């Protein structure tokens, strides 16, 4: 594919992080519950061109968010499911293979699907330029004026965990943009990514910076939802993930991705293990990769706050 770049400025002014954020929660995991948490956020997508950012899931992985779960939410916002190619070998690193996976996993049966980097790339500004100098994303991003960041919360082999921040950063980045983040700005081509990986904290801080770039791009027109089900220590990008040891927990949502990811991690670290619900493997995965540093750095650069209050929708 011929690669080209478009550079775009952010129209919305940067806004300071709030002193405390609200995270909405339901223990129900259903199509109806997803719509309920979206509505609770009070940020309707009416009148917008809506991107619903998910992971389409690597072929062979059964843990991704299924089309039958997300269909009602996608329909309610009249959304387009969006993704970008991966930076590793598999069934989503070329457009032909990725479209095949999209079809096999059924996403094109419920909504339009857009691989945003299929026709090129563009650069959007980052505030925190200590590592990456800009974020490289698919050049279809301007098609959309609102984003639903719909993440599957689980572990991750490199980041420790995957949630809203990863879905906004690595998830929205093009394949070359993923190389830019993984290498802390050293390279901008996916072909050389694994020869130039950055120290772990540099990678995590670059993810936070890229997530902030996407957040700033959409301004008030972005929301974040984490679904805490099928929580393997491995990401949806792993073809053959480790066995799920945790019971499904629920759905959490916020307009603040820092508060949202912190709330989900706090749930994992604070729960008491029981038969069929072992949090030790995921805690070890997050800790061994220093995963909470992504959250702390995102707060430090003003993306959001770790000071949150949970509103339990099941008690209303």
Protein backbone atom coordinates (compact mmCIF):
# COMPACT_ATOMS: atom_id res chain seq x y z
CA UNK A 1 0.00 0.00 0.00
CA UNK A 2 1.24 3.46 -0.85
CA UNK A 3 1.61 5.42 2.39
CA UNK A 4 0.99 9.13 2.70
CA UNK A 5 0.42 11.51 5.56
CA UNK A 6 -1.93 14.37 6.26
CA UNK A 7 -1.24 16.72 9.15
CA UNK A 8 -4.19 18.24 10.97
CA UNK A 9 -4.52 20.63 13.88
CA UNK A 10 -6.88 20.17 16.79
CA UNK A 11 -9.77 22.61 16.79
CA UNK A 12 -10.83 22.22 20.42
CA UNK A 13 -8.96 24.07 23.14
CA UNK A 14 -7.11 21.95 25.68
CA UNK A 15 -9.11 21.55 28.88
CA UNK A 16 -7.64 20.93 32.32
CA UNK A 17 -8.39 17.57 33.92
CA UNK A 18 -11.29 17.57 36.39
CA UNK A 19 -10.70 17.33 40.15
CA UNK A 20 -12.98 14.28 40.37
CA UNK A 21 -14.63 12.19 37.70
CA UNK A 22 -17.74 10.04 37.63
CA UNK A 23 -17.60 6.39 36.57
CA UNK A 24 -20.92 4.68 35.91
CA UNK A 25 -21.17 0.96 36.58
CA UNK A 26 -23.56 -1.93 36.08
CA UNK A 27 -22.91 -5.58 36.93
CA UNK A 28 -25.13 -6.60 34.03
CA UNK A 29 -23.33 -7.43 30.78
CA UNK A 30 -25.94 -7.30 28.03
CA UNK A 31 -26.82 -5.30 24.91
CA UNK A 32 -29.38 -3.36 26.95
CA UNK A 33 -26.85 -2.55 29.70
CA UNK A 34 -24.40 -1.14 27.15
CA UNK A 35 -27.06 1.27 25.93
CA UNK A 36 -27.94 2.17 29.52
CA UNK A 37 -24.37 3.16 30.45
CA UNK A 38 -24.04 5.16 27.22
CA UNK A 39 -27.18 7.13 28.08
CA UNK A 40 -26.06 7.63 31.69
CA UNK A 41 -23.00 9.55 30.50
CA UNK A 42 -25.23 12.37 29.28
CA UNK A 43 -23.23 12.99 26.15
CA UNK A 44 -25.57 11.99 23.28
CA UNK A 45 -24.16 11.34 19.83
CA UNK A 46 -27.23 12.76 18.09
CA UNK A 47 -26.41 14.58 14.86
CA UNK A 48 -22.82 13.32 14.73
CA UNK A 49 -20.95 10.98 12.45
CA UNK A 50 -20.06 8.34 15.02
CA UNK A 51 -17.02 6.07 15.13
CA UNK A 52 -17.32 3.06 17.46
CA UNK A 53 -13.74 2.00 18.19
CA UNK A 54 -13.46 -1.66 19.10
CA UNK A 55 -10.90 -4.41 18.68
CA UNK A 56 -12.00 -6.79 15.95
CA UNK A 57 -10.05 -9.56 17.72
CA UNK A 58 -7.28 -11.75 16.36
CA UNK A 59 -8.42 -14.88 14.51
CA UNK A 60 -8.53 -17.76 16.99
CA UNK A 61 -9.17 -15.55 20.03
CA UNK A 62 -12.68 -16.08 21.49
CA UNK A 63 -12.64 -13.21 24.00
CA UNK A 64 -13.32 -10.10 21.89
CA UNK A 65 -16.56 -8.13 22.32
CA UNK A 66 -19.07 -10.02 20.22
CA UNK A 67 -21.32 -8.38 17.62
CA UNK A 68 -24.48 -9.60 19.37
CA UNK A 69 -23.35 -7.79 22.55
CA UNK A 70 -22.52 -4.46 20.93
CA UNK A 71 -25.18 -4.32 18.20
CA UNK A 72 -27.78 -2.33 20.17
CA UNK A 73 -25.26 0.33 21.17
CA UNK A 74 -23.91 0.67 17.64
CA UNK A 75 -27.45 0.93 16.30
CA UNK A 76 -28.48 3.51 18.91
CA UNK A 77 -25.70 5.90 17.86
CA UNK A 78 -25.96 5.04 14.14
CA UNK A 79 -22.29 4.21 14.35
CA UNK A 80 -19.57 2.87 12.10
CA UNK A 81 -17.24 0.28 13.62
CA UNK A 82 -13.66 1.51 13.16
CA UNK A 83 -10.28 -0.19 13.43
CA UNK A 84 -6.72 0.02 12.09
CA UNK A 85 -4.25 -2.65 11.07
CA UNK A 86 -2.01 -4.31 13.63
CA UNK A 87 1.77 -4.07 13.91
CA UNK A 88 2.49 -7.78 14.33
CA UNK A 89 2.08 -10.86 12.17
CA UNK A 90 -1.36 -12.42 12.22
CA UNK A 91 -4.74 -12.10 10.54
CA UNK A 92 -5.14 -8.32 10.90
CA UNK A 93 -1.80 -6.92 9.73
CA UNK A 94 -2.84 -6.64 6.06
CA UNK A 95 -6.10 -5.16 4.83
CA UNK A 96 -7.17 -8.30 2.98
CA UNK A 97 -6.59 -10.45 6.07
CA UNK A 98 -8.18 -7.88 8.37
CA UNK A 99 -11.34 -7.67 6.26
CA UNK A 100 -11.54 -11.46 6.32
CA UNK A 101 -11.31 -11.43 10.13
CA UNK A 102 -13.93 -8.67 10.34
CA UNK A 103 -16.26 -10.83 8.26
CA UNK A 104 -15.52 -14.08 10.11
CA UNK A 105 -16.17 -12.39 13.45
CA UNK A 106 -19.45 -10.96 12.16
CA UNK A 107 -18.90 -7.24 12.61
CA UNK A 108 -19.85 -6.37 9.03
CA UNK A 109 -23.20 -8.06 9.61
CA UNK A 110 -24.30 -5.49 12.22
CA UNK A 111 -22.89 -2.16 10.99
CA UNK A 112 -20.63 -0.44 8.47
CA UNK A 113 -16.95 -1.12 9.18
CA UNK A 114 -14.04 1.20 8.37
CA UNK A 115 -10.35 0.28 8.52
CA UNK A 116 -9.28 3.87 9.00
CA UNK A 117 -5.71 3.54 7.69
CA UNK A 118 -6.66 1.69 4.50
CA UNK A 119 -6.15 4.78 2.32
CA UNK A 120 -3.33 6.48 4.19
CA UNK A 121 -2.34 8.18 7.42
CA UNK A 122 -2.36 11.55 9.11
CA UNK A 123 -0.69 13.16 12.10
CA UNK A 124 -2.53 14.77 15.00
CA UNK A 125 -0.88 16.86 17.73
CA UNK A 126 0.20 15.55 21.12
CA UNK A 127 0.57 17.72 24.19
CA UNK A 128 3.22 15.57 25.86
CA UNK A 129 6.11 15.57 23.36
CA UNK A 130 8.84 14.07 25.53
CA UNK A 131 8.73 10.86 23.45
CA UNK A 132 6.41 10.97 20.45
CA UNK A 133 6.09 14.30 18.64
CA UNK A 134 2.64 13.57 17.15
CA UNK A 135 0.20 10.69 16.88
CA UNK A 136 -0.07 8.85 13.55
CA UNK A 137 -3.62 7.69 12.84
CA UNK A 138 -5.65 6.56 9.85
CA UNK A 139 -6.63 9.38 7.55
CA UNK A 140 -10.29 8.40 7.71
CA UNK A 141 -10.47 9.89 11.21
CA UNK A 142 -11.94 13.22 9.97
CA UNK A 143 -14.95 11.31 8.68
CA UNK A 144 -16.14 11.21 12.29
CA UNK A 145 -17.21 13.92 14.70
CA UNK A 146 -17.86 11.68 17.72
CA UNK A 147 -16.19 8.55 19.08
CA UNK A 148 -17.46 5.77 21.29
CA UNK A 149 -14.31 4.17 22.70
CA UNK A 150 -15.68 0.69 23.40
CA UNK A 151 -12.93 -1.37 25.02
CA UNK A 152 -12.70 -4.91 26.31
CA UNK A 153 -10.90 -4.69 29.66
CA UNK A 154 -8.39 -7.54 30.10
CA UNK A 155 -4.68 -8.22 30.45
CA UNK A 156 -2.04 -7.48 27.83
CA UNK A 157 1.35 -9.11 27.17
CA UNK A 158 3.14 -5.77 26.74
CA UNK A 159 1.04 -3.06 28.39
CA UNK A 160 -0.02 -5.13 31.38
CA UNK A 161 -3.68 -4.42 30.77
CA UNK A 162 -5.83 -3.20 27.93
CA UNK A 163 -8.66 -0.74 28.45
CA UNK A 164 -9.79 2.71 27.39
CA UNK A 165 -6.32 4.27 27.21
CA UNK A 166 -4.87 1.51 25.05
CA UNK A 167 -7.94 1.45 22.81
CA UNK A 168 -7.54 5.20 22.21
CA UNK A 169 -3.79 5.08 21.63
CA UNK A 170 -2.59 1.84 20.07
CA UNK A 171 -6.12 1.11 18.86
CA UNK A 172 -6.67 4.33 16.90
CA UNK A 173 -3.07 4.51 15.63
CA UNK A 174 -2.29 3.22 12.17
CA UNK A 175 0.20 0.37 11.87
CA UNK A 176 2.99 2.93 11.51
CA UNK A 177 1.49 4.90 14.38
CA UNK A 178 1.70 1.80 16.54
CA UNK A 179 5.42 1.63 15.69
CA UNK A 180 5.77 5.28 16.68
CA UNK A 181 4.21 4.57 20.08
CA UNK A 182 5.94 1.26 20.79
CA UNK A 183 9.35 2.76 20.05
CA UNK A 184 8.78 6.02 21.89
CA UNK A 185 9.07 8.00 18.66
CA UNK A 186 12.28 6.36 17.41
CA UNK A 187 10.71 4.98 14.22
CA UNK A 188 7.57 5.64 12.22
CA UNK A 189 7.44 2.54 10.03
CA UNK A 190 5.98 -0.75 11.17
CA UNK A 191 8.67 -2.75 9.36
CA UNK A 192 11.30 -1.73 11.93
CA UNK A 193 9.18 -1.67 15.08
CA UNK A 194 10.53 -4.75 16.85
CA UNK A 195 14.17 -3.81 16.31
CA UNK A 196 13.63 -0.44 18.00
CA UNK A 197 11.34 -1.04 20.97
CA UNK A 198 11.54 1.52 23.76
CA UNK A 199 12.12 1.00 27.50
CA UNK A 200 8.85 -0.09 29.12
CA UNK A 201 7.97 3.19 30.81
CA UNK A 202 8.71 5.13 27.61
CA UNK A 203 6.27 2.89 25.76
CA UNK A 204 3.62 3.32 28.45
CA UNK A 205 4.09 7.10 28.53
CA UNK A 206 3.86 7.24 24.75
CA UNK A 207 0.54 5.39 24.95
CA UNK A 208 -0.76 7.96 27.40
CA UNK A 209 0.36 10.81 25.12
CA UNK A 210 -1.31 9.23 22.10
CA UNK A 211 -4.53 8.62 24.02
CA UNK A 212 -4.56 12.29 24.98
CA UNK A 213 -4.09 13.26 21.33
CA UNK A 214 -7.23 11.34 20.34
CA UNK A 215 -9.13 12.73 23.33
CA UNK A 216 -8.15 16.28 22.38
CA UNK A 217 -9.07 15.65 18.74
CA UNK A 218 -12.69 14.89 19.65
CA UNK A 219 -12.96 17.33 22.55
CA UNK A 220 -16.33 16.89 24.27
CA UNK A 221 -17.45 14.39 21.63
CA UNK A 222 -15.87 11.22 22.98
CA UNK A 223 -16.98 8.70 25.60
CA UNK A 224 -15.30 5.64 27.09
CA UNK A 225 -16.80 2.24 27.96
CA UNK A 226 -14.93 -0.76 29.41
CA UNK A 227 -16.56 -4.20 29.37
CA UNK A 228 -15.10 -6.43 32.08
CA UNK A 229 -15.78 -9.90 30.70
CA UNK A 230 -13.62 -12.78 29.43
CA UNK A 231 -10.67 -11.24 31.28
CA UNK A 232 -7.70 -13.33 30.23
CA UNK A 233 -4.23 -12.05 31.05
CA UNK A 234 -3.79 -11.86 27.27
CA UNK A 235 -5.23 -9.27 24.94
CA UNK A 236 -7.71 -9.84 22.11
CA UNK A 237 -4.67 -9.46 19.84
CA UNK A 238 -3.32 -12.86 21.00
CA UNK A 239 -4.50 -15.70 18.76
CA UNK A 240 -4.36 -18.29 21.55
CA UNK A 241 -4.86 -16.47 24.87
CA UNK A 242 -4.33 -17.86 28.34
CA UNK A 243 -7.35 -19.39 30.05
CA UNK A 244 -9.75 -16.94 31.66
CA UNK A 245 -9.48 -17.23 35.46
CA UNK A 246 -11.74 -14.30 36.42
CA UNK A 247 -15.52 -14.21 36.60
CA UNK A 248 -17.20 -11.59 34.43
CA UNK A 249 -17.68 -8.39 36.41
CA UNK A 250 -19.73 -5.79 34.55
CA UNK A 251 -19.61 -2.64 32.40
CA UNK A 252 -18.07 0.67 33.46
CA UNK A 253 -18.19 3.96 31.58
CA UNK A 254 -16.96 7.54 31.90
CA UNK A 255 -16.07 10.64 29.95
CA UNK A 256 -12.65 10.37 31.67
CA UNK A 257 -10.50 7.46 30.41
CA UNK A 258 -8.03 7.80 33.31
CA UNK A 259 -10.73 7.45 35.94
CA UNK A 260 -12.31 4.59 34.01
CA UNK A 261 -9.16 2.49 33.67
CA UNK A 262 -8.21 3.23 37.29
CA UNK A 263 -11.62 2.07 38.50
CA UNK A 264 -11.33 -1.18 36.55
CA UNK A 265 -7.82 -1.84 37.85
CA UNK A 266 -8.91 -1.04 41.40
CA UNK A 267 -11.71 -3.60 41.08
CA UNK A 268 -9.19 -6.27 40.06
CA UNK A 269 -6.67 -5.44 42.77
CA UNK A 270 -9.22 -5.04 45.56
CA UNK A 271 -11.39 -8.09 44.98
CA UNK A 272 -11.16 -11.18 47.17
CA UNK A 273 -10.33 -14.31 45.18
CA UNK A 274 -12.79 -17.18 45.27
CA UNK A 275 -13.40 -20.43 43.43
CA UNK A 276 -13.76 -19.61 39.74
CA UNK A 277 -12.65 -16.03 40.29
CA UNK A 278 -8.87 -15.78 40.61
CA UNK A 279 -7.51 -12.24 40.29
CA UNK A 280 -3.88 -13.18 40.99
CA UNK A 281 -2.82 -13.84 37.36
CA UNK A 282 -4.16 -10.51 36.08
CA UNK A 283 -2.68 -8.60 39.03
CA UNK A 284 0.69 -10.20 38.28
CA UNK A 285 0.42 -9.36 34.58
CA UNK A 286 -0.40 -5.71 35.28
CA UNK A 287 2.28 -5.33 37.95
CA UNK A 288 5.02 -7.14 36.04
CA UNK A 289 4.55 -4.78 33.07
CA UNK A 290 4.26 -1.70 35.32
CA UNK A 291 0.85 -1.23 33.70
CA UNK A 292 -0.51 1.25 36.21
CA UNK A 293 2.17 3.70 35.08
CA UNK A 294 0.11 4.38 31.95
CA UNK A 295 -2.73 5.61 34.16
CA UNK A 296 -0.44 7.64 36.41
CA UNK A 297 1.29 9.30 33.46
CA UNK A 298 -2.00 10.05 31.74
CA UNK A 299 -3.11 11.82 34.91
CA UNK A 300 0.22 13.69 35.17
CA UNK A 301 -0.14 15.11 31.65
CA UNK A 302 -3.70 16.27 32.29
CA UNK A 303 -5.76 13.68 30.42
CA UNK A 304 -7.90 12.87 33.44
CA UNK A 305 -7.86 12.06 37.12
CA UNK A 306 -7.53 8.97 39.29
CA UNK A 307 -9.90 10.59 41.78
CA UNK A 308 -13.27 9.15 40.88
CA UNK A 309 -16.67 8.28 42.29
CA UNK A 310 -18.65 5.26 41.09
CA UNK A 311 -22.35 5.61 40.37
CA UNK A 312 -23.96 2.16 40.57
CA UNK A 313 -26.71 2.07 37.97
CA UNK A 314 -28.08 -1.16 39.41
CA UNK A 315 -29.15 0.71 42.56
CA UNK A 316 -31.22 3.34 40.78
